Amino acid sequence: MIMTIRDVERLQAQLQEDERDYQIELEDGKIILMGPSDIQSSEIGAEFIRLLGNWVKPRRLGRLFDSSGGFIMPNTDLRAPDVSFVSAERLRRSQRSFGELVPDLVVEIKSKTDRIAPLRKKIKQFLEMNARVGILIDPDKQTVTIYRSTREPLVLANEDKLTIPELFPGWEISIYELWPPVFEEE
């Protein structure tokens, strides 16, 4: 049975009534239920949003979304990257519905239970639908891989700098800034 966006909306309403909190994606007419991720992956996502948001917001470059923000793709899939960005010229105002556009930037963060291959596939699908940049953050290997449709993937490690000049000219962070700190006892 092929599911639609309306089916997803009905399922979400039912889950809310039952007080169940699942993220739902729709891929090729199939519902994908996504449970919560581990807290380390969540912390990395929050830090990425904070570091990028501190650059984006004062410059009014666009909007950042966390993993709760769903986007309806041109192929009618409903996808929710861990972090996404849409430029101001493409989304002048946020809405109380799914975004009906492909984000300019999509970020996936490998959780403890994720496999890398499906995350790469998801990023490549976004790029095929005209996302400009995809990023895969792997906390296990402490690497960040940047995907662009016109180039080979670029793998960055701790001492490397992440830049995305086509979207955020002048912005850069060191990869090690993404990893959660260890608080030592005093």
N, C-alpha and C. Protein backbone atom coordinates (compact mmCIF):
# COMPACT_ATOMS: atom_id res chain seq x y z
N MET A 1 0.84 -1.18 0.00
CA MET A 1 0.00 0.00 0.00
C MET A 1 0.88 1.24 0.00
N ILE A 2 0.65 2.13 -0.93
CA ILE A 2 1.43 3.37 -1.03
C ILE A 2 0.77 4.43 -0.16
N MET A 3 1.57 5.03 0.70
CA MET A 3 1.08 6.07 1.62
C MET A 3 1.34 7.44 1.01
N THR A 4 0.56 8.42 1.47
CA THR A 4 0.69 9.80 1.00
C THR A 4 0.95 10.73 2.18
N ILE A 5 1.20 11.98 1.87
CA ILE A 5 1.38 13.00 2.92
C ILE A 5 0.14 13.06 3.81
N ARG A 6 -1.04 12.97 3.22
CA ARG A 6 -2.29 13.00 4.02
C ARG A 6 -2.33 11.82 4.99
N ASP A 7 -1.87 10.65 4.54
CA ASP A 7 -1.81 9.50 5.44
C ASP A 7 -0.85 9.77 6.60
N VAL A 8 0.27 10.40 6.30
CA VAL A 8 1.23 10.75 7.36
C VAL A 8 0.59 11.70 8.35
N GLU A 9 -0.12 12.71 7.86
CA GLU A 9 -0.77 13.67 8.75
C GLU A 9 -1.80 12.98 9.64
N ARG A 10 -2.57 12.04 9.07
CA ARG A 10 -3.55 11.30 9.88
C ARG A 10 -2.85 10.45 10.94
N LEU A 11 -1.77 9.79 10.54
CA LEU A 11 -1.02 8.96 11.49
C LEU A 11 -0.44 9.82 12.61
N GLN A 12 0.10 10.97 12.26
CA GLN A 12 0.64 11.86 13.30
C GLN A 12 -0.44 12.30 14.27
N ALA A 13 -1.62 12.62 13.76
CA ALA A 13 -2.72 13.03 14.63
C ALA A 13 -3.10 11.89 15.57
N GLN A 14 -3.15 10.67 15.06
CA GLN A 14 -3.48 9.51 15.89
C GLN A 14 -2.40 9.28 16.95
N LEU A 15 -1.15 9.38 16.56
CA LEU A 15 -0.06 9.20 17.53
C LEU A 15 -0.12 10.26 18.62
N GLN A 16 -0.46 11.49 18.25
CA GLN A 16 -0.58 12.56 19.26
C GLN A 16 -1.70 12.25 20.24
N GLU A 17 -2.83 11.76 19.72
CA GLU A 17 -3.94 11.38 20.60
C GLU A 17 -3.51 10.28 21.57
N ASP A 18 -2.70 9.36 21.09
CA ASP A 18 -2.21 8.26 21.92
C ASP A 18 -1.00 8.65 22.76
N GLU A 19 -0.61 9.92 22.68
CA GLU A 19 0.54 10.47 23.41
C GLU A 19 1.83 9.71 23.11
N ARG A 20 2.03 9.43 21.83
CA ARG A 20 3.26 8.78 21.37
C ARG A 20 4.03 9.79 20.54
N ASP A 21 5.33 9.82 20.76
CA ASP A 21 6.16 10.81 20.08
C ASP A 21 7.13 10.11 19.13
N TYR A 22 6.74 10.04 17.88
CA TYR A 22 7.60 9.48 16.84
C TYR A 22 7.79 10.51 15.75
N GLN A 23 8.97 10.51 15.18
CA GLN A 23 9.17 11.28 13.96
C GLN A 23 8.85 10.35 12.81
N ILE A 24 8.20 10.90 11.81
CA ILE A 24 7.77 10.09 10.68
C ILE A 24 8.33 10.69 9.41
N GLU A 25 8.88 9.83 8.56
CA GLU A 25 9.26 10.23 7.22
C GLU A 25 8.51 9.35 6.24
N LEU A 26 8.39 9.83 5.03
CA LEU A 26 7.73 9.08 3.96
C LEU A 26 8.72 8.96 2.82
N GLU A 27 9.06 7.71 2.46
CA GLU A 27 10.01 7.49 1.37
C GLU A 27 9.42 6.46 0.41
N ASP A 28 9.27 6.87 -0.83
CA ASP A 28 8.71 5.98 -1.86
C ASP A 28 7.38 5.38 -1.43
N GLY A 29 6.55 6.18 -0.77
CA GLY A 29 5.23 5.71 -0.36
C GLY A 29 5.22 4.83 0.87
N LYS A 30 6.37 4.69 1.54
CA LYS A 30 6.46 3.87 2.75
C LYS A 30 6.73 4.76 3.95
N ILE A 31 6.02 4.49 5.02
CA ILE A 31 6.20 5.22 6.27
C ILE A 31 7.46 4.71 6.97
N ILE A 32 8.27 5.64 7.43
CA ILE A 32 9.46 5.30 8.21
C ILE A 32 9.28 5.95 9.58
N LEU A 33 9.17 5.13 10.63
CA LEU A 33 9.08 5.64 11.99
C LEU A 33 10.48 5.79 12.54
N MET A 34 10.73 6.94 13.14
CA MET A 34 12.06 7.20 13.67
C MET A 34 11.92 7.51 15.15
N GLY A 35 12.57 6.71 15.96
CA GLY A 35 12.56 6.95 17.39
C GLY A 35 13.59 8.01 17.76
N PRO A 36 13.64 8.35 19.02
CA PRO A 36 14.63 9.33 19.46
C PRO A 36 16.05 8.80 19.25
N SER A 37 16.98 9.73 19.05
CA SER A 37 18.38 9.31 18.90
C SER A 37 19.08 9.38 20.25
N ASP A 38 20.31 8.92 20.28
CA ASP A 38 21.10 9.00 21.51
C ASP A 38 21.40 10.46 21.82
N ILE A 39 21.68 10.75 23.08
CA ILE A 39 21.85 12.15 23.48
C ILE A 39 23.13 12.77 22.93
N GLN A 40 24.16 11.97 22.66
CA GLN A 40 25.37 12.53 22.07
C GLN A 40 25.08 13.08 20.67
N SER A 41 24.37 12.32 19.86
CA SER A 41 24.01 12.79 18.52
C SER A 41 23.15 14.04 18.60
N SER A 42 22.23 14.05 19.55
CA SER A 42 21.36 15.20 19.75
C SER A 42 22.17 16.44 20.15
N GLU A 43 23.13 16.25 21.04
CA GLU A 43 23.98 17.36 21.48
C GLU A 43 24.81 17.91 20.32
N ILE A 44 25.31 17.03 19.47
CA ILE A 44 26.08 17.47 18.30
C ILE A 44 25.20 18.29 17.37
N GLY A 45 23.97 17.83 17.15
CA GLY A 45 23.04 18.58 16.31
C GLY A 45 22.72 19.95 16.88
N ALA A 46 22.50 20.00 18.19
CA ALA A 46 22.21 21.28 18.85
C ALA A 46 23.41 22.23 18.74
N GLU A 47 24.60 21.69 18.89
CA GLU A 47 25.81 22.53 18.80
C GLU A 47 26.01 23.03 17.37
N PHE A 48 25.77 22.18 16.38
CA PHE A 48 25.89 22.60 14.99
C PHE A 48 24.91 23.75 14.71
N ILE A 49 23.67 23.59 15.17
CA ILE A 49 22.67 24.64 14.97
C ILE A 49 23.10 25.93 15.68
N ARG A 50 23.63 25.81 16.90
CA ARG A 50 24.06 27.00 17.64
C ARG A 50 25.20 27.71 16.92
N LEU A 51 26.22 26.94 16.53
CA LEU A 51 27.38 27.55 15.87
C LEU A 51 27.00 28.20 14.54
N LEU A 52 26.19 27.53 13.76
CA LEU A 52 25.77 28.10 12.48
C LEU A 52 24.75 29.21 12.68
N GLY A 53 23.83 29.01 13.61
CA GLY A 53 22.80 30.02 13.87
C GLY A 53 23.38 31.35 14.33
N ASN A 54 24.47 31.30 15.11
CA ASN A 54 25.12 32.54 15.55
C ASN A 54 25.66 33.34 14.37
N TRP A 55 25.88 32.69 13.24
CA TRP A 55 26.35 33.36 12.02
C TRP A 55 25.17 33.77 11.14
N VAL A 56 24.22 32.87 11.00
CA VAL A 56 23.11 33.05 10.06
C VAL A 56 22.13 34.13 10.51
N LYS A 57 21.70 34.08 11.77
CA LYS A 57 20.62 34.96 12.21
C LYS A 57 20.96 36.44 12.12
N PRO A 58 22.10 36.91 12.65
CA PRO A 58 22.36 38.34 12.56
C PRO A 58 22.54 38.84 11.13
N ARG A 59 22.89 37.95 10.24
CA ARG A 59 23.08 38.33 8.82
C ARG A 59 21.81 38.11 8.00
N ARG A 60 20.78 37.56 8.65
CA ARG A 60 19.47 37.32 8.02
C ARG A 60 19.62 36.51 6.72
N LEU A 61 20.45 35.46 6.80
CA LEU A 61 20.74 34.64 5.62
C LEU A 61 19.66 33.62 5.33
N GLY A 62 18.90 33.23 6.36
CA GLY A 62 17.87 32.22 6.15
C GLY A 62 17.45 31.60 7.46
N ARG A 63 16.94 30.37 7.35
CA ARG A 63 16.34 29.69 8.50
C ARG A 63 16.98 28.32 8.72
N LEU A 64 17.23 28.01 9.99
CA LEU A 64 17.75 26.71 10.39
C LEU A 64 16.64 25.90 11.03
N PHE A 65 16.64 24.60 10.76
CA PHE A 65 15.63 23.71 11.32
C PHE A 65 16.31 22.50 11.95
N ASP A 66 15.68 21.98 13.02
CA ASP A 66 16.18 20.75 13.63
C ASP A 66 15.46 19.55 13.01
N SER A 67 15.62 18.40 13.61
CA SER A 67 15.10 17.16 13.02
C SER A 67 13.58 17.05 13.06
N SER A 68 12.92 17.99 13.71
CA SER A 68 11.45 17.97 13.71
C SER A 68 10.86 18.62 12.47
N GLY A 69 11.67 19.38 11.73
CA GLY A 69 11.17 20.09 10.55
C GLY A 69 11.07 19.17 9.35
N GLY A 70 9.86 18.96 8.86
CA GLY A 70 9.64 18.08 7.71
C GLY A 70 9.52 18.85 6.41
N PHE A 71 10.07 18.27 5.35
CA PHE A 71 10.04 18.89 4.03
C PHE A 71 9.42 17.92 3.02
N ILE A 72 8.45 18.40 2.26
CA ILE A 72 7.86 17.62 1.19
C ILE A 72 8.72 17.82 -0.05
N MET A 73 9.27 16.72 -0.53
CA MET A 73 10.18 16.76 -1.68
C MET A 73 9.40 16.77 -2.99
N PRO A 74 10.06 17.16 -4.08
CA PRO A 74 9.39 17.15 -5.39
C PRO A 74 8.81 15.79 -5.77
N ASN A 75 9.40 14.70 -5.26
CA ASN A 75 8.88 13.36 -5.55
C ASN A 75 7.81 12.91 -4.55
N THR A 76 7.32 13.84 -3.73
CA THR A 76 6.29 13.66 -2.68
C THR A 76 6.76 12.89 -1.45
N ASP A 77 8.05 12.58 -1.34
CA ASP A 77 8.58 12.05 -0.08
C ASP A 77 8.50 13.15 0.97
N LEU A 78 8.40 12.75 2.22
CA LEU A 78 8.48 13.66 3.36
C LEU A 78 9.75 13.31 4.10
N ARG A 79 10.69 14.24 4.15
CA ARG A 79 11.98 13.97 4.78
C ARG A 79 12.25 15.02 5.86
N ALA A 80 13.01 14.60 6.87
CA ALA A 80 13.35 15.49 7.99
C ALA A 80 14.82 15.28 8.33
N PRO A 81 15.72 16.08 7.73
CA PRO A 81 17.14 15.96 8.08
C PRO A 81 17.36 16.32 9.55
N ASP A 82 18.47 15.88 10.11
CA ASP A 82 18.78 16.23 11.50
C ASP A 82 18.93 17.73 11.67
N VAL A 83 19.55 18.37 10.70
CA VAL A 83 19.68 19.84 10.65
C VAL A 83 19.47 20.24 9.20
N SER A 84 18.79 21.35 8.98
CA SER A 84 18.65 21.84 7.61
C SER A 84 18.62 23.36 7.62
N PHE A 85 18.93 23.92 6.45
CA PHE A 85 18.95 25.37 6.26
C PHE A 85 18.27 25.68 4.94
N VAL A 86 17.44 26.73 4.97
CA VAL A 86 16.83 27.26 3.74
C VAL A 86 17.13 28.75 3.70
N SER A 87 17.64 29.21 2.56
CA SER A 87 18.02 30.62 2.42
C SER A 87 16.80 31.54 2.52
N ALA A 88 17.05 32.76 2.95
CA ALA A 88 15.98 33.74 3.14
C ALA A 88 15.23 34.02 1.85
N GLU A 89 15.94 34.06 0.73
CA GLU A 89 15.24 34.35 -0.53
C GLU A 89 14.30 33.23 -0.96
N ARG A 90 14.53 32.01 -0.45
CA ARG A 90 13.67 30.87 -0.80
C ARG A 90 12.53 30.65 0.18
N LEU A 91 12.68 31.16 1.41
CA LEU A 91 11.64 30.99 2.42
C LEU A 91 11.58 32.27 3.26
N ARG A 92 10.75 33.19 2.80
CA ARG A 92 10.65 34.50 3.46
C ARG A 92 9.99 34.42 4.83
N ARG A 93 9.10 33.43 5.01
CA ARG A 93 8.35 33.32 6.26
C ARG A 93 8.16 31.84 6.59
N SER A 94 8.34 31.50 7.86
CA SER A 94 8.06 30.12 8.29
C SER A 94 6.56 29.89 8.29
N GLN A 95 6.18 28.65 8.15
CA GLN A 95 4.76 28.31 8.09
C GLN A 95 4.46 27.20 9.09
N ARG A 96 3.19 27.02 9.41
CA ARG A 96 2.76 25.99 10.34
C ARG A 96 2.37 24.72 9.58
N SER A 97 3.23 24.32 8.67
CA SER A 97 3.01 23.10 7.89
C SER A 97 4.38 22.60 7.43
N PHE A 98 4.38 21.48 6.75
CA PHE A 98 5.64 20.98 6.20
C PHE A 98 6.15 21.97 5.15
N GLY A 99 7.46 22.11 5.06
CA GLY A 99 8.03 22.93 4.00
C GLY A 99 7.89 22.20 2.67
N GLU A 100 7.44 22.91 1.67
CA GLU A 100 7.30 22.29 0.34
C GLU A 100 8.43 22.76 -0.55
N LEU A 101 9.65 22.42 -0.15
CA LEU A 101 10.85 22.77 -0.88
C LEU A 101 12.00 21.91 -0.39
N VAL A 102 13.06 21.88 -1.14
CA VAL A 102 14.26 21.13 -0.76
C VAL A 102 15.19 22.10 -0.05
N PRO A 103 15.65 21.77 1.16
CA PRO A 103 16.58 22.67 1.86
C PRO A 103 17.86 22.87 1.05
N ASP A 104 18.50 24.01 1.27
CA ASP A 104 19.80 24.29 0.64
C ASP A 104 20.91 23.44 1.26
N LEU A 105 20.81 23.23 2.58
CA LEU A 105 21.79 22.44 3.32
C LEU A 105 21.04 21.37 4.10
N VAL A 106 21.54 20.14 4.03
CA VAL A 106 21.01 19.06 4.86
C VAL A 106 22.17 18.43 5.63
N VAL A 107 21.92 18.15 6.89
CA VAL A 107 22.93 17.55 7.75
C VAL A 107 22.32 16.30 8.39
N GLU A 108 23.04 15.20 8.29
CA GLU A 108 22.65 13.97 8.98
C GLU A 108 23.74 13.64 9.99
N ILE A 109 23.33 13.24 11.18
CA ILE A 109 24.26 12.90 12.25
C ILE A 109 24.06 11.42 12.58
N LYS A 110 25.11 10.64 12.43
CA LYS A 110 25.02 9.20 12.69
C LYS A 110 24.77 8.97 14.17
N SER A 111 23.64 8.35 14.47
CA SER A 111 23.36 7.98 15.86
C SER A 111 23.95 6.60 16.13
N LYS A 112 23.86 6.19 17.36
CA LYS A 112 24.44 4.91 17.77
C LYS A 112 23.88 3.74 16.96
N THR A 113 22.61 3.82 16.58
CA THR A 113 21.97 2.69 15.88
C THR A 113 21.92 2.86 14.36
N ASP A 114 22.34 4.00 13.85
CA ASP A 114 22.31 4.24 12.39
C ASP A 114 23.39 3.46 11.68
N ARG A 115 23.11 3.14 10.42
CA ARG A 115 24.13 2.63 9.52
C ARG A 115 24.47 3.76 8.56
N ILE A 116 25.73 3.83 8.14
CA ILE A 116 26.20 4.93 7.30
C ILE A 116 25.56 4.91 5.91
N ALA A 117 25.43 3.75 5.29
CA ALA A 117 24.95 3.68 3.90
C ALA A 117 23.58 4.35 3.71
N PRO A 118 22.57 4.10 4.57
CA PRO A 118 21.29 4.79 4.37
C PRO A 118 21.39 6.31 4.56
N LEU A 119 22.29 6.76 5.43
CA LEU A 119 22.47 8.20 5.62
C LEU A 119 23.08 8.83 4.37
N ARG A 120 24.08 8.17 3.80
CA ARG A 120 24.68 8.65 2.55
C ARG A 120 23.63 8.71 1.44
N LYS A 121 22.83 7.66 1.35
CA LYS A 121 21.78 7.60 0.33
C LYS A 121 20.80 8.77 0.49
N LYS A 122 20.40 9.03 1.73
CA LYS A 122 19.47 10.13 2.00
C LYS A 122 20.06 11.46 1.56
N ILE A 123 21.33 11.69 1.90
CA ILE A 123 21.99 12.94 1.50
C ILE A 123 22.06 13.04 -0.02
N LYS A 124 22.43 11.95 -0.67
CA LYS A 124 22.53 11.97 -2.14
C LYS A 124 21.17 12.23 -2.78
N GLN A 125 20.10 11.71 -2.19
CA GLN A 125 18.76 11.99 -2.72
C GLN A 125 18.44 13.48 -2.61
N PHE A 126 18.80 14.10 -1.50
CA PHE A 126 18.59 15.54 -1.36
C PHE A 126 19.37 16.30 -2.44
N LEU A 127 20.62 15.90 -2.65
CA LEU A 127 21.45 16.57 -3.67
C LEU A 127 20.85 16.40 -5.06
N GLU A 128 20.31 15.23 -5.36
CA GLU A 128 19.67 15.00 -6.66
C GLU A 128 18.44 15.88 -6.86
N MET A 129 17.83 16.31 -5.74
CA MET A 129 16.66 17.19 -5.82
C MET A 129 17.04 18.65 -5.60
N ASN A 130 18.33 18.95 -5.78
CA ASN A 130 18.86 20.32 -5.79
C ASN A 130 19.20 20.93 -4.44
N ALA A 131 19.38 20.12 -3.40
CA ALA A 131 20.05 20.66 -2.21
C ALA A 131 21.45 21.05 -2.66
N ARG A 132 21.99 22.10 -2.09
CA ARG A 132 23.31 22.56 -2.53
C ARG A 132 24.45 21.84 -1.83
N VAL A 133 24.26 21.53 -0.54
CA VAL A 133 25.32 20.89 0.26
C VAL A 133 24.68 19.88 1.21
N GLY A 134 25.33 18.73 1.34
CA GLY A 134 24.95 17.73 2.33
C GLY A 134 26.13 17.44 3.23
N ILE A 135 25.86 17.23 4.50
CA ILE A 135 26.92 16.96 5.47
C ILE A 135 26.53 15.72 6.27
N LEU A 136 27.49 14.82 6.43
CA LEU A 136 27.31 13.64 7.27
C LEU A 136 28.31 13.72 8.41
N ILE A 137 27.79 13.79 9.63
CA ILE A 137 28.62 13.85 10.83
C ILE A 137 28.65 12.46 11.46
N ASP A 138 29.85 11.93 11.65
CA ASP A 138 30.03 10.60 12.23
C ASP A 138 30.77 10.73 13.56
N PRO A 139 30.03 10.74 14.68
CA PRO A 139 30.68 10.88 15.99
C PRO A 139 31.61 9.71 16.32
N ASP A 140 31.32 8.52 15.79
CA ASP A 140 32.16 7.36 16.10
C ASP A 140 33.56 7.53 15.54
N LYS A 141 33.66 8.05 14.33
CA LYS A 141 34.96 8.26 13.69
C LYS A 141 35.46 9.69 13.88
N GLN A 142 34.63 10.53 14.46
CA GLN A 142 34.90 11.96 14.62
C GLN A 142 35.31 12.59 13.29
N THR A 143 34.45 12.35 12.29
CA THR A 143 34.65 12.94 10.97
C THR A 143 33.39 13.65 10.51
N VAL A 144 33.59 14.57 9.59
CA VAL A 144 32.50 15.28 8.93
C VAL A 144 32.76 15.14 7.43
N THR A 145 31.79 14.61 6.70
CA THR A 145 31.94 14.45 5.26
C THR A 145 31.00 15.43 4.57
N ILE A 146 31.57 16.21 3.64
CA ILE A 146 30.79 17.20 2.90
C ILE A 146 30.51 16.66 1.51
N TYR A 147 29.23 16.71 1.14
CA TYR A 147 28.79 16.24 -0.18
C TYR A 147 28.27 17.43 -0.98
N ARG A 148 28.70 17.49 -2.21
CA ARG A 148 28.18 18.46 -3.17
C ARG A 148 27.94 17.70 -4.47
N SER A 149 26.94 18.09 -5.22
CA SER A 149 26.61 17.33 -6.43
C SER A 149 27.70 17.42 -7.48
N THR A 150 28.54 18.45 -7.42
CA THR A 150 29.54 18.67 -8.46
C THR A 150 30.94 18.18 -8.09
N ARG A 151 31.11 17.63 -6.87
CA ARG A 151 32.45 17.23 -6.42
C ARG A 151 32.40 15.89 -5.69
N GLU A 152 33.57 15.32 -5.53
CA GLU A 152 33.70 14.12 -4.71
C GLU A 152 33.51 14.50 -3.24
N PRO A 153 33.03 13.58 -2.40
CA PRO A 153 32.90 13.88 -0.98
C PRO A 153 34.24 14.26 -0.37
N LEU A 154 34.20 15.18 0.57
CA LEU A 154 35.39 15.66 1.26
C LEU A 154 35.26 15.28 2.73
N VAL A 155 36.22 14.50 3.24
CA VAL A 155 36.19 14.05 4.63
C VAL A 155 37.10 14.95 5.46
N LEU A 156 36.53 15.50 6.53
CA LEU A 156 37.27 16.38 7.44
C LEU A 156 37.41 15.71 8.80
N ALA A 157 38.55 15.95 9.46
CA ALA A 157 38.80 15.40 10.80
C ALA A 157 38.97 16.56 11.78
N ASN A 158 39.30 16.23 13.01
CA ASN A 158 39.28 17.19 14.12
C ASN A 158 39.95 18.53 13.88
N GLU A 159 41.15 18.55 13.32
CA GLU A 159 41.87 19.81 13.16
C GLU A 159 41.47 20.58 11.90
N ASP A 160 40.65 19.97 11.06
CA ASP A 160 40.21 20.63 9.83
C ASP A 160 39.14 21.67 10.12
N LYS A 161 38.96 22.58 9.18
CA LYS A 161 37.93 23.62 9.28
C LYS A 161 36.79 23.28 8.33
N LEU A 162 35.57 23.43 8.82
CA LEU A 162 34.39 23.28 7.99
C LEU A 162 33.99 24.65 7.48
N THR A 163 33.90 24.77 6.17
CA THR A 163 33.41 26.00 5.54
C THR A 163 32.38 25.60 4.50
N ILE A 164 31.42 26.48 4.29
CA ILE A 164 30.39 26.27 3.26
C ILE A 164 30.21 27.61 2.55
N PRO A 165 31.21 28.02 1.78
CA PRO A 165 31.23 29.38 1.23
C PRO A 165 30.06 29.70 0.29
N GLU A 166 29.51 28.68 -0.38
CA GLU A 166 28.41 28.96 -1.30
C GLU A 166 27.13 29.36 -0.57
N LEU A 167 27.03 29.04 0.71
CA LEU A 167 25.86 29.42 1.50
C LEU A 167 26.19 30.42 2.60
N PHE A 168 27.38 30.29 3.20
CA PHE A 168 27.76 31.10 4.37
C PHE A 168 29.16 31.66 4.18
N PRO A 169 29.35 32.64 3.29
CA PRO A 169 30.68 33.19 3.04
C PRO A 169 31.29 33.74 4.33
N GLY A 170 32.51 33.30 4.63
CA GLY A 170 33.21 33.79 5.82
C GLY A 170 33.02 32.95 7.06
N TRP A 171 32.03 32.08 7.09
CA TRP A 171 31.78 31.23 8.27
C TRP A 171 32.73 30.04 8.24
N GLU A 172 33.26 29.71 9.42
CA GLU A 172 34.06 28.50 9.55
C GLU A 172 34.08 28.05 10.99
N ILE A 173 34.17 26.75 11.16
CA ILE A 173 34.36 26.18 12.50
C ILE A 173 35.39 25.06 12.39
N SER A 174 36.07 24.80 13.48
CA SER A 174 36.94 23.63 13.56
C SER A 174 36.06 22.42 13.88
N ILE A 175 36.37 21.30 13.27
CA ILE A 175 35.56 20.10 13.45
C ILE A 175 35.47 19.72 14.93
N TYR A 176 36.56 19.87 15.67
CA TYR A 176 36.54 19.46 17.08
C TYR A 176 35.52 20.24 17.91
N GLU A 177 35.08 21.41 17.42
CA GLU A 177 34.07 22.18 18.15
C GLU A 177 32.72 21.48 18.21
N LEU A 178 32.48 20.53 17.32
CA LEU A 178 31.19 19.83 17.29
C LEU A 178 31.06 18.76 18.37
N TRP A 179 32.19 18.23 18.84
CA TRP A 179 32.13 17.09 19.75
C TRP A 179 31.81 17.54 21.17
N PRO A 180 30.95 16.81 21.87
CA PRO A 180 30.59 17.19 23.25
C PRO A 180 31.82 17.21 24.16
N PRO A 181 31.90 18.21 25.02
CA PRO A 181 33.04 18.28 25.95
C PRO A 181 32.92 17.22 27.04
N VAL A 182 34.06 16.93 27.64
CA VAL A 182 34.09 16.06 28.81
C VAL A 182 34.34 16.97 30.00
N PHE A 183 33.45 16.92 30.97
CA PHE A 183 33.60 17.76 32.16
C PHE A 183 34.32 16.95 33.23
N GLU A 184 35.51 17.39 33.56
CA GLU A 184 36.32 16.70 34.57
C GLU A 184 35.88 17.14 35.95
N GLU A 185 36.02 16.24 36.91
CA GLU A 185 35.72 16.60 38.30
C GLU A 185 36.80 17.54 38.81
N GLU A 186 36.37 18.47 39.63
CA GLU A 186 37.35 19.42 40.19
C GLU A 186 37.60 19.13 41.63
